[in-house]
Protein backbone atom coordinates (compact mmCIF):
# COMPACT_ATOMS: atom_id res chain seq x y z
CA MET A 1 -81.28 -76.89 42.71
CA ARG A 2 -78.16 -75.30 43.15
CA SER A 3 -76.07 -75.41 45.99
CA VAL A 4 -74.59 -72.51 47.80
CA LEU A 5 -71.21 -73.48 46.65
CA GLU A 6 -72.24 -73.27 43.08
CA THR A 7 -73.68 -69.85 43.59
CA ASP A 8 -70.57 -68.60 45.25
CA ARG A 9 -68.55 -70.16 42.59
CA ARG A 10 -70.51 -68.41 39.97
CA THR A 11 -69.88 -65.07 41.45
CA PHE A 12 -66.19 -65.68 41.17
CA LEU A 13 -66.47 -66.99 37.66
CA VAL A 14 -68.57 -64.16 36.36
CA GLN A 15 -66.65 -61.04 35.93
CA PRO A 16 -68.10 -58.07 37.57
CA GLN A 17 -69.01 -55.13 35.42
CA SER A 18 -65.94 -53.04 34.76
CA ARG A 19 -65.64 -50.12 36.95
CA ARG A 20 -65.11 -46.96 35.14
CA TRP A 21 -61.71 -45.73 35.91
CA LEU A 22 -62.67 -42.12 35.66
CA SER A 23 -65.97 -40.54 35.31
CA ARG A 24 -66.96 -38.88 32.08
CA ARG A 25 -66.37 -35.42 33.49
CA ALA A 26 -62.89 -36.32 34.73
CA ARG A 27 -62.02 -37.75 31.30
CA TRP A 28 -63.10 -34.49 29.68
CA ILE A 29 -60.96 -32.51 32.09
CA VAL A 30 -57.96 -34.77 31.45
CA CYS A 31 -58.48 -34.56 27.67
CA LEU A 32 -58.84 -30.78 27.82
CA THR A 33 -55.73 -30.51 30.01
CA VAL A 34 -53.74 -32.76 27.69
CA GLY A 35 -55.07 -30.81 24.69
CA ALA A 36 -54.17 -27.49 26.33
CA LEU A 37 -50.68 -28.76 27.15
CA PHE A 38 -50.30 -30.04 23.59
CA ALA A 39 -51.54 -26.72 22.18
CA ALA A 40 -49.21 -24.74 24.49
CA THR A 41 -46.25 -26.93 23.54
CA LEU A 42 -47.16 -26.66 19.87
CA GLY A 43 -47.53 -22.88 20.22
CA TYR A 44 -44.14 -22.63 21.92
CA LEU A 45 -42.50 -24.77 19.21
CA VAL A 46 -44.16 -22.79 16.39
CA ASP A 47 -43.07 -19.49 17.97
CA ASP A 48 -39.57 -20.86 18.40
CA GLN A 49 -39.49 -21.97 14.75
CA VAL A 50 -40.76 -18.56 13.60
CA ARG A 51 -37.99 -16.85 15.60
CA ALA A 52 -35.38 -19.26 14.26
CA HIS A 53 -36.62 -18.66 10.70
CA HIS A 54 -36.50 -14.89 11.25
CA GLN A 55 -32.96 -15.13 12.63
CA PHE A 56 -31.96 -17.31 9.68
CA GLU A 57 -33.39 -14.78 7.24
CA GLN A 58 -31.48 -11.97 8.97
CA ALA A 59 -28.27 -13.99 8.92
CA HIS A 60 -28.83 -14.89 5.26
CA THR A 61 -29.42 -11.22 4.38
CA ALA A 62 -26.32 -10.17 6.32
CA LEU A 63 -24.32 -12.86 4.53
CA GLY A 64 -25.55 -11.58 1.17
CA VAL A 65 -24.56 -8.01 2.08
CA THR A 66 -21.18 -9.23 3.31
CA ASN A 67 -20.61 -11.22 0.11
CA HIS A 68 -21.51 -8.17 -1.98
CA ARG A 69 -19.17 -5.95 0.03
CA THR A 70 -16.44 -8.58 -0.15
CA SER A 71 -16.73 -8.80 -3.93
CA THR A 72 -16.71 -4.98 -4.19
CA VAL A 73 -13.62 -4.71 -2.01
CA SER A 74 -11.95 -7.56 -3.89
CA ALA A 75 -12.54 -5.79 -7.20
CA TYR A 76 -11.19 -2.56 -5.72
CA LEU A 77 -8.12 -4.39 -4.38
CA ALA A 78 -7.53 -6.00 -7.79
CA GLY A 79 -7.57 -2.52 -9.33
CA LEU A 80 -5.13 -1.30 -6.70
CA ARG A 81 -2.85 -4.27 -7.41
CA ARG A 82 -2.84 -3.38 -11.11
CA ASP A 83 -2.12 0.27 -10.30
CA LEU A 84 0.64 -0.79 -7.92
CA ALA A 85 2.19 -3.01 -10.60
CA VAL A 86 2.12 -0.10 -13.08
CA LEU A 87 3.63 2.22 -10.48
CA THR A 88 6.32 -0.33 -9.68
CA VAL A 89 7.28 -0.50 -13.35
CA GLN A 90 7.25 3.30 -13.58
CA VAL A 91 9.41 3.60 -10.46
CA GLY A 92 11.84 1.09 -11.97
CA ASN A 93 11.94 3.05 -15.22
CA ASP A 94 12.32 6.34 -13.35
CA SER A 95 15.10 4.87 -11.21
CA THR A 96 16.93 3.76 -14.33
CA ALA A 97 16.46 7.20 -15.90
CA LEU A 98 17.63 8.84 -12.67
CA ASN A 99 20.77 6.69 -12.62
CA GLN A 100 21.47 7.58 -16.25
CA ASP A 101 20.86 11.27 -15.55
CA ALA A 102 23.11 11.10 -12.47
CA SER A 103 25.84 9.48 -14.60
CA GLU A 104 25.45 12.17 -17.26
CA LEU A 105 25.51 14.85 -14.57
CA THR A 106 28.73 13.40 -13.16
CA GLY A 107 30.23 13.46 -16.66
CA ALA A 108 29.03 17.04 -17.18
CA GLN A 109 30.50 18.08 -13.82
CA ALA A 110 33.83 16.52 -14.77
CA ALA A 111 33.73 18.32 -18.13
CA LEU A 112 32.85 21.57 -16.37
CA ALA A 113 35.74 21.14 -13.94
CA ALA A 114 38.10 20.48 -16.87
CA ALA A 115 36.74 23.53 -18.70
CA GLN A 116 37.15 25.68 -15.59
CA ALA A 117 40.75 24.48 -15.22
CA HIS A 118 41.38 25.29 -18.90
CA VAL A 119 39.81 28.73 -18.46
CA SER A 120 42.02 29.31 -15.43
CA GLN A 121 45.09 28.31 -17.44
CA GLN A 122 44.00 30.56 -20.30
CA LYS A 123 43.44 33.41 -17.84
CA THR A 124 46.95 32.95 -16.45
CA LEU A 125 48.35 32.79 -20.01
CA ILE A 126 46.46 35.94 -21.01
CA GLY A 127 47.80 37.71 -17.92
CA SER A 128 51.35 36.63 -18.80
CA LEU A 129 50.87 37.71 -22.44
CA GLN A 130 49.47 41.10 -21.40
CA ASN A 131 52.37 41.65 -19.00
CA CYS A 132 54.89 40.59 -21.68
CA LEU A 133 53.21 42.79 -24.29
CA GLY A 134 53.25 45.75 -21.91
CA GLY A 135 57.00 45.32 -21.31
CA VAL A 136 57.66 44.99 -25.05
CA GLU A 137 55.62 48.17 -25.71
CA ARG A 138 57.60 50.07 -23.06
CA ALA A 139 60.87 48.77 -24.55
CA LEU A 140 59.81 49.86 -28.05
CA ASN A 141 58.78 53.28 -26.77
CA ALA A 142 62.13 53.64 -24.97
CA LEU A 143 64.01 52.62 -28.15
CA SER A 144 61.97 55.07 -30.18
CA VAL A 145 63.22 57.92 -28.01
CA GLY A 146 66.75 56.55 -27.95
CA LYS A 147 66.85 55.19 -24.45
CA GLN A 148 68.37 51.80 -24.95
CA SER A 149 69.12 51.11 -21.27
CA ARG A 150 65.51 51.77 -20.39
CA ALA A 151 64.39 49.40 -23.19
CA VAL A 152 66.68 46.65 -21.88
CA ALA A 153 65.40 47.19 -18.33
CA ALA A 154 61.75 46.99 -19.57
CA LEU A 155 62.46 43.71 -21.40
CA GLU A 156 64.30 42.25 -18.41
CA SER A 157 61.34 43.12 -16.12
CA VAL A 158 58.92 41.09 -18.29
CA SER A 159 61.28 38.30 -19.34
CA GLN A 160 59.73 35.86 -16.82
CA SER A 161 56.18 36.62 -18.07
CA CYS A 162 57.26 36.24 -21.67
CA SER A 163 59.00 32.90 -20.93
CA THR A 164 55.86 31.63 -19.17
CA ALA A 165 53.67 32.73 -22.08
CA SER A 166 55.91 31.11 -24.68
CA THR A 167 56.17 27.76 -22.83
CA SER A 168 52.42 27.65 -22.19
CA GLY A 169 51.68 27.69 -25.87
CA GLY A 170 50.94 31.38 -26.27
């Protein structure tokens, strides 16, 4: 027979049946709630990734367009640099030609001034010669009619013009 102490002891030694922490229905609700939260989080993350991918694609497309425009503008600028270099050479050549033309023009102006001075001298000489010739003609006409005093007076009136003409090389 067993004693009461043994029986009580046994109850302490034997483990009682485990109590279920949650009932089956509560576990289902917890699992469904956890599953719904997981699905919502997964849906949010997938949507976020789709948006990020879309933004990346837009940025990548914009970068491609920008690269294309940059290469187009760079090619255009290279052409402009070549044109500018050609124009710089042409301006240098034209400046040199302009300086030469200006020098030639200065020489031509000096020659023209000298020619004008010579023409002025020749004009003065021609005037002196015409005056002298007129006096000599009058003197010859006076001598032809026998008026010697008038001939001398005509020659004396043009003596200065005749001296100028003879010293000027006329």
